[in-house]
Amino acid sequence: MNIKFILNGEEKEFRSEANVRLIDILRSDFGLLGAKAGCLAGKCGLCTVLFNGNIIHACLIPAFKMQGSEIITIEGFAETVEYRDIITGFAEANLHNCDYCKSSKILNTGALLGKNNRPSKQEILAAFNGIMCRCTDPHQLVEGIEKTADIRQRRLYGR
């Protein structure tokens, strides 16, 4: 099947079997390795991407669902000012994620703060419940996201 979609802001078109997984397409066809092929069952969260503005597990999306969609990977998100806010906030909280889950935690943070500019501790922890890598202390994660929210608010509103 011929599939047209937007990937990291660029229109793409390619041929694929309808049942090939998005994670495999991103990694094999486009060389985008930020999303990891972890459990391949939607349980670990390491293959997180933004799909039409929502966090999804790329291992659960078949190619035919990509038609007409917009997909943002960590490689595309890394070009945004929101990404820089997150990296700065995480650094200020001395938050260090392993390279295996780093992209998922960054994209989750971006999506969370995009919907809620001041999430509570409970909302933060719930948003990250689907990422099975436990390299990060939950209290540091909350602090990193709170610092990121502060940085974002200062950038947007000067406060």
C-alpha atoms as a PDB file:
ATOM      1  CA  MET A   1       0.000   0.000   0.000  1.00  0.00           C
ATOM      2  CA  ASN A   2       1.107   3.570  -0.687  1.00  0.00           C
ATOM      3  CA  ILE A   3       1.145   5.712   2.473  1.00  0.00           C
ATOM      4  CA  LYS A   4       1.322   9.506   2.706  1.00  0.00           C
ATOM      5  CA  PHE A   5       1.881  11.175   6.068  1.00  0.00           C
ATOM      6  CA  ILE A   6       3.843  13.930   7.800  1.00  0.00           C
ATOM      7  CA  LEU A   7       6.976  12.919   9.684  1.00  0.00           C
ATOM      8  CA  ASN A   8       8.689  15.537  11.820  1.00  0.00           C
ATOM      9  CA  GLY A   9       7.132  18.313   9.770  1.00  0.00           C
ATOM     10  CA  GLU A  10       7.949  16.873   6.336  1.00  0.00           C
ATOM     11  CA  GLU A  11       5.535  15.221   3.933  1.00  0.00           C
ATOM     12  CA  LYS A  12       6.508  11.612   3.277  1.00  0.00           C
ATOM     13  CA  GLU A  13       5.277   8.932   0.947  1.00  0.00           C
ATOM     14  CA  PHE A  14       6.358   5.306   0.895  1.00  0.00           C
ATOM     15  CA  ARG A  15       5.156   1.785   0.166  1.00  0.00           C
ATOM     16  CA  SER A  16       4.578  -0.755   2.889  1.00  0.00           C
ATOM     17  CA  GLU A  17       2.579  -3.789   3.761  1.00  0.00           C
ATOM     18  CA  ALA A  18      -0.472  -2.692   5.758  1.00  0.00           C
ATOM     19  CA  ASN A  19       0.434  -4.668   8.879  1.00  0.00           C
ATOM     20  CA  VAL A  20       4.047  -3.498   9.343  1.00  0.00           C
ATOM     21  CA  ARG A  21       4.463  -1.664  12.665  1.00  0.00           C
ATOM     22  CA  LEU A  22       5.197   2.046  12.861  1.00  0.00           C
ATOM     23  CA  ILE A  23       8.210   1.362  15.112  1.00  0.00           C
ATOM     24  CA  ASP A  24       9.763  -0.829  12.404  1.00  0.00           C
ATOM     25  CA  ILE A  25       9.035   1.733   9.695  1.00  0.00           C
ATOM     26  CA  LEU A  26      10.581   4.577  11.698  1.00  0.00           C
ATOM     27  CA  ARG A  27      13.703   2.603  12.495  1.00  0.00           C
ATOM     28  CA  SER A  28      14.222   0.649   9.256  1.00  0.00           C
ATOM     29  CA  ASP A  29      12.814   2.888   6.537  1.00  0.00           C
ATOM     30  CA  PHE A  30      13.631   6.306   7.973  1.00  0.00           C
ATOM     31  CA  GLY A  31      16.645   5.596  10.228  1.00  0.00           C
ATOM     32  CA  LEU A  32      14.976   7.213  13.249  1.00  0.00           C
ATOM     33  CA  LEU A  33      16.325   5.259  16.202  1.00  0.00           C
ATOM     34  CA  GLY A  34      15.089   7.408  19.118  1.00  0.00           C
ATOM     35  CA  ALA A  35      12.003   5.263  19.671  1.00  0.00           C
ATOM     36  CA  LYS A  36      13.169   1.903  20.963  1.00  0.00           C
ATOM     37  CA  ALA A  37      11.683  -1.454  19.987  1.00  0.00           C
ATOM     38  CA  GLY A  38      11.217  -2.750  23.525  1.00  0.00           C
ATOM     39  CA  CYS A  39       8.433  -5.189  24.379  1.00  0.00           C
ATOM     40  CA  LEU A  40       6.575  -4.785  21.032  1.00  0.00           C
ATOM     41  CA  ALA A  41       3.326  -5.229  22.967  1.00  0.00           C
ATOM     42  CA  GLY A  42       2.559  -1.669  24.130  1.00  0.00           C
ATOM     43  CA  LYS A  43       3.574  -2.321  27.718  1.00  0.00           C
ATOM     44  CA  CYS A  44       7.016  -0.748  28.158  1.00  0.00           C
ATOM     45  CA  GLY A  45       6.466   2.691  26.573  1.00  0.00           C
ATOM     46  CA  LEU A  46       9.949   2.870  25.083  1.00  0.00           C
ATOM     47  CA  CYS A  47       8.625   3.293  21.537  1.00  0.00           C
ATOM     48  CA  THR A  48       6.731   6.487  22.374  1.00  0.00           C
ATOM     49  CA  VAL A  49       6.070   8.992  19.585  1.00  0.00           C
ATOM     50  CA  LEU A  50       3.544  11.773  19.072  1.00  0.00           C
ATOM     51  CA  PHE A  51       0.827  10.601  16.689  1.00  0.00           C
ATOM     52  CA  ASN A  52      -1.614  13.353  15.664  1.00  0.00           C
ATOM     53  CA  GLY A  53      -0.638  15.223  18.828  1.00  0.00           C
ATOM     54  CA  ASN A  54      -1.104  12.307  21.202  1.00  0.00           C
ATOM     55  CA  ILE A  55       1.408  10.047  22.923  1.00  0.00           C
ATOM     56  CA  ILE A  56       1.202   6.536  21.478  1.00  0.00           C
ATOM     57  CA  HIS A  57       3.253   3.364  21.457  1.00  0.00           C
ATOM     58  CA  ALA A  58       4.642   3.002  17.940  1.00  0.00           C
ATOM     59  CA  CYS A  59       4.725  -0.782  18.289  1.00  0.00           C
ATOM     60  CA  LEU A  60       0.913  -0.847  18.303  1.00  0.00           C
ATOM     61  CA  ILE A  61       0.304   1.219  15.154  1.00  0.00           C
ATOM     62  CA  PRO A  62       0.098  -0.675  11.848  1.00  0.00           C
ATOM     63  CA  ALA A  63       1.227   1.080   8.684  1.00  0.00           C
ATOM     64  CA  PHE A  64      -2.289   1.529   7.309  1.00  0.00           C
ATOM     65  CA  LYS A  65      -3.157   3.805  10.263  1.00  0.00           C
ATOM     66  CA  MET A  66      -0.317   6.136   9.280  1.00  0.00           C
ATOM     67  CA  GLN A  67      -2.212   7.320   6.187  1.00  0.00           C
ATOM     68  CA  GLY A  68      -2.797  11.082   6.523  1.00  0.00           C
ATOM     69  CA  SER A  69      -1.347  11.247  10.031  1.00  0.00           C
ATOM     70  CA  GLU A  70       1.280  13.480  11.592  1.00  0.00           C
ATOM     71  CA  ILE A  71       4.052  11.773  13.508  1.00  0.00           C
ATOM     72  CA  ILE A  72       6.697  13.465  15.605  1.00  0.00           C
ATOM     73  CA  THR A  73       9.623  11.455  16.891  1.00  0.00           C
ATOM     74  CA  ILE A  74      12.240  12.555  19.394  1.00  0.00           C
ATOM     75  CA  GLU A  75      14.431  13.537  16.456  1.00  0.00           C
ATOM     76  CA  GLY A  76      11.802  16.032  15.286  1.00  0.00           C
ATOM     77  CA  PHE A  77      10.875  17.158  18.784  1.00  0.00           C
ATOM     78  CA  ALA A  78      14.563  17.862  19.494  1.00  0.00           C
ATOM     79  CA  GLU A  79      14.328  20.782  17.056  1.00  0.00           C
ATOM     80  CA  THR A  80      11.778  22.622  19.213  1.00  0.00           C
ATOM     81  CA  VAL A  81      12.101  25.187  21.976  1.00  0.00           C
ATOM     82  CA  GLU A  82       9.967  22.896  24.172  1.00  0.00           C
ATOM     83  CA  TYR A  83      12.691  20.258  23.930  1.00  0.00           C
ATOM     84  CA  ARG A  84      15.286  22.759  25.131  1.00  0.00           C
ATOM     85  CA  ASP A  85      13.026  23.690  28.055  1.00  0.00           C
ATOM     86  CA  ILE A  86      12.805  20.029  29.063  1.00  0.00           C
ATOM     87  CA  ILE A  87      16.537  19.396  28.768  1.00  0.00           C
ATOM     88  CA  THR A  88      17.226  22.487  30.896  1.00  0.00           C
ATOM     89  CA  GLY A  89      14.597  21.560  33.497  1.00  0.00           C
ATOM     90  CA  PHE A  90      15.898  18.010  33.762  1.00  0.00           C
ATOM     91  CA  ALA A  91      19.472  19.288  34.140  1.00  0.00           C
ATOM     92  CA  GLU A  92      18.431  21.752  36.870  1.00  0.00           C
ATOM     93  CA  ALA A  93      16.831  18.855  38.766  1.00  0.00           C
ATOM     94  CA  ASN A  94      19.954  16.744  38.204  1.00  0.00           C
ATOM     95  CA  LEU A  95      17.697  14.245  36.440  1.00  0.00           C
ATOM     96  CA  HIS A  96      19.540  11.742  34.295  1.00  0.00           C
ATOM     97  CA  ASN A  97      17.552   9.187  32.308  1.00  0.00           C
ATOM     98  CA  CYS A  98      19.196   6.219  30.681  1.00  0.00           C
ATOM     99  CA  ASP A  99      19.559   6.419  26.906  1.00  0.00           C
ATOM    100  CA  TYR A 100      17.005   3.651  26.531  1.00  0.00           C
ATOM    101  CA  CYS A 101      14.038   5.579  28.001  1.00  0.00           C
ATOM    102  CA  LYS A 102      15.237   9.165  27.590  1.00  0.00           C
ATOM    103  CA  SER A 103      13.287   9.927  24.407  1.00  0.00           C
ATOM    104  CA  SER A 104      10.050   8.499  25.829  1.00  0.00           C
ATOM    105  CA  LYS A 105      10.352  10.555  29.006  1.00  0.00           C
ATOM    106  CA  ILE A 106      11.101  13.726  27.053  1.00  0.00           C
ATOM    107  CA  LEU A 107       8.144  13.237  24.689  1.00  0.00           C
ATOM    108  CA  ASN A 108       5.851  12.386  27.612  1.00  0.00           C
ATOM    109  CA  THR A 109       6.968  15.560  29.380  1.00  0.00           C
ATOM    110  CA  GLY A 110       6.319  17.643  26.284  1.00  0.00           C
ATOM    111  CA  ALA A 111       2.851  16.159  25.832  1.00  0.00           C
ATOM    112  CA  LEU A 112       1.967  16.512  29.515  1.00  0.00           C
ATOM    113  CA  LEU A 113       3.027  20.156  29.709  1.00  0.00           C
ATOM    114  CA  GLY A 114       1.322  20.856  26.399  1.00  0.00           C
ATOM    115  CA  LYS A 115      -1.998  19.845  27.959  1.00  0.00           C
ATOM    116  CA  ASN A 116      -1.423  20.964  31.544  1.00  0.00           C
ATOM    117  CA  ASN A 117       1.116  23.697  32.260  1.00  0.00           C
ATOM    118  CA  ARG A 118       1.133  23.007  36.023  1.00  0.00           C
ATOM    119  CA  PRO A 119       0.506  19.293  36.608  1.00  0.00           C
ATOM    120  CA  SER A 120       0.288  17.956  40.154  1.00  0.00           C
ATOM    121  CA  LYS A 121       2.693  15.334  41.456  1.00  0.00           C
ATOM    122  CA  GLN A 122      -0.017  12.696  40.997  1.00  0.00           C
ATOM    123  CA  GLU A 123      -0.683  13.791  37.405  1.00  0.00           C
ATOM    124  CA  ILE A 124       3.033  13.650  36.625  1.00  0.00           C
ATOM    125  CA  LEU A 125       3.473  10.176  38.061  1.00  0.00           C
ATOM    126  CA  ALA A 126       0.349   8.937  36.282  1.00  0.00           C
ATOM    127  CA  ALA A 127       1.607  10.292  32.938  1.00  0.00           C
ATOM    128  CA  PHE A 128       4.787   8.236  33.294  1.00  0.00           C
ATOM    129  CA  ASN A 129       3.167   5.073  34.583  1.00  0.00           C
ATOM    130  CA  GLY A 130       3.339   3.525  31.103  1.00  0.00           C
ATOM    131  CA  ILE A 131       7.137   3.730  30.827  1.00  0.00           C
ATOM    132  CA  MET A 132       8.579   0.613  32.399  1.00  0.00           C
ATOM    133  CA  CYS A 133      12.208   1.754  32.627  1.00  0.00           C
ATOM    134  CA  ARG A 134      12.888   2.633  36.240  1.00  0.00           C
ATOM    135  CA  CYS A 135      16.264   4.336  35.886  1.00  0.00           C
ATOM    136  CA  THR A 136      14.844   7.556  37.313  1.00  0.00           C
ATOM    137  CA  ASP A 137      13.847   8.277  40.894  1.00  0.00           C
ATOM    138  CA  PRO A 138      10.165   9.333  40.780  1.00  0.00           C
ATOM    139  CA  HIS A 139      10.812  12.324  43.061  1.00  0.00           C
ATOM    140  CA  GLN A 140      13.561  13.567  40.739  1.00  0.00           C
ATOM    141  CA  LEU A 141      11.254  13.088  37.765  1.00  0.00           C
ATOM    142  CA  VAL A 142       8.577  15.208  39.431  1.00  0.00           C
ATOM    143  CA  GLU A 143      11.182  17.865  40.282  1.00  0.00           C
ATOM    144  CA  GLY A 144      12.491  17.846  36.701  1.00  0.00           C
ATOM    145  CA  ILE A 145       9.033  18.344  35.270  1.00  0.00           C
ATOM    146  CA  GLU A 146       8.189  21.064  37.783  1.00  0.00           C
ATOM    147  CA  LYS A 147      11.409  22.893  36.872  1.00  0.00           C
ATOM    148  CA  THR A 148      10.606  22.442  33.189  1.00  0.00           C
ATOM    149  CA  ALA A 149       7.123  23.895  33.781  1.00  0.00           C
ATOM    150  CA  ASP A 150       8.699  26.924  35.495  1.00  0.00           C
ATOM    151  CA  ILE A 151      11.154  27.428  32.628  1.00  0.00           C
ATOM    152  CA  ARG A 152       8.350  27.162  30.103  1.00  0.00           C
ATOM    153  CA  GLN A 153       6.185  29.667  31.984  1.00  0.00           C
ATOM    154  CA  ARG A 154       9.080  32.158  32.151  1.00  0.00           C
ATOM    155  CA  ARG A 155       9.740  31.737  28.449  1.00  0.00           C
ATOM    156  CA  LEU A 156       6.093  32.120  27.478  1.00  0.00           C
ATOM    157  CA  TYR A 157       4.921  34.725  29.954  1.00  0.00           C
ATOM    158  CA  GLY A 158       8.026  36.260  31.494  1.00  0.00           C
ATOM    159  CA  ARG A 159       7.214  35.005  34.986  1.00  0.00           C
END
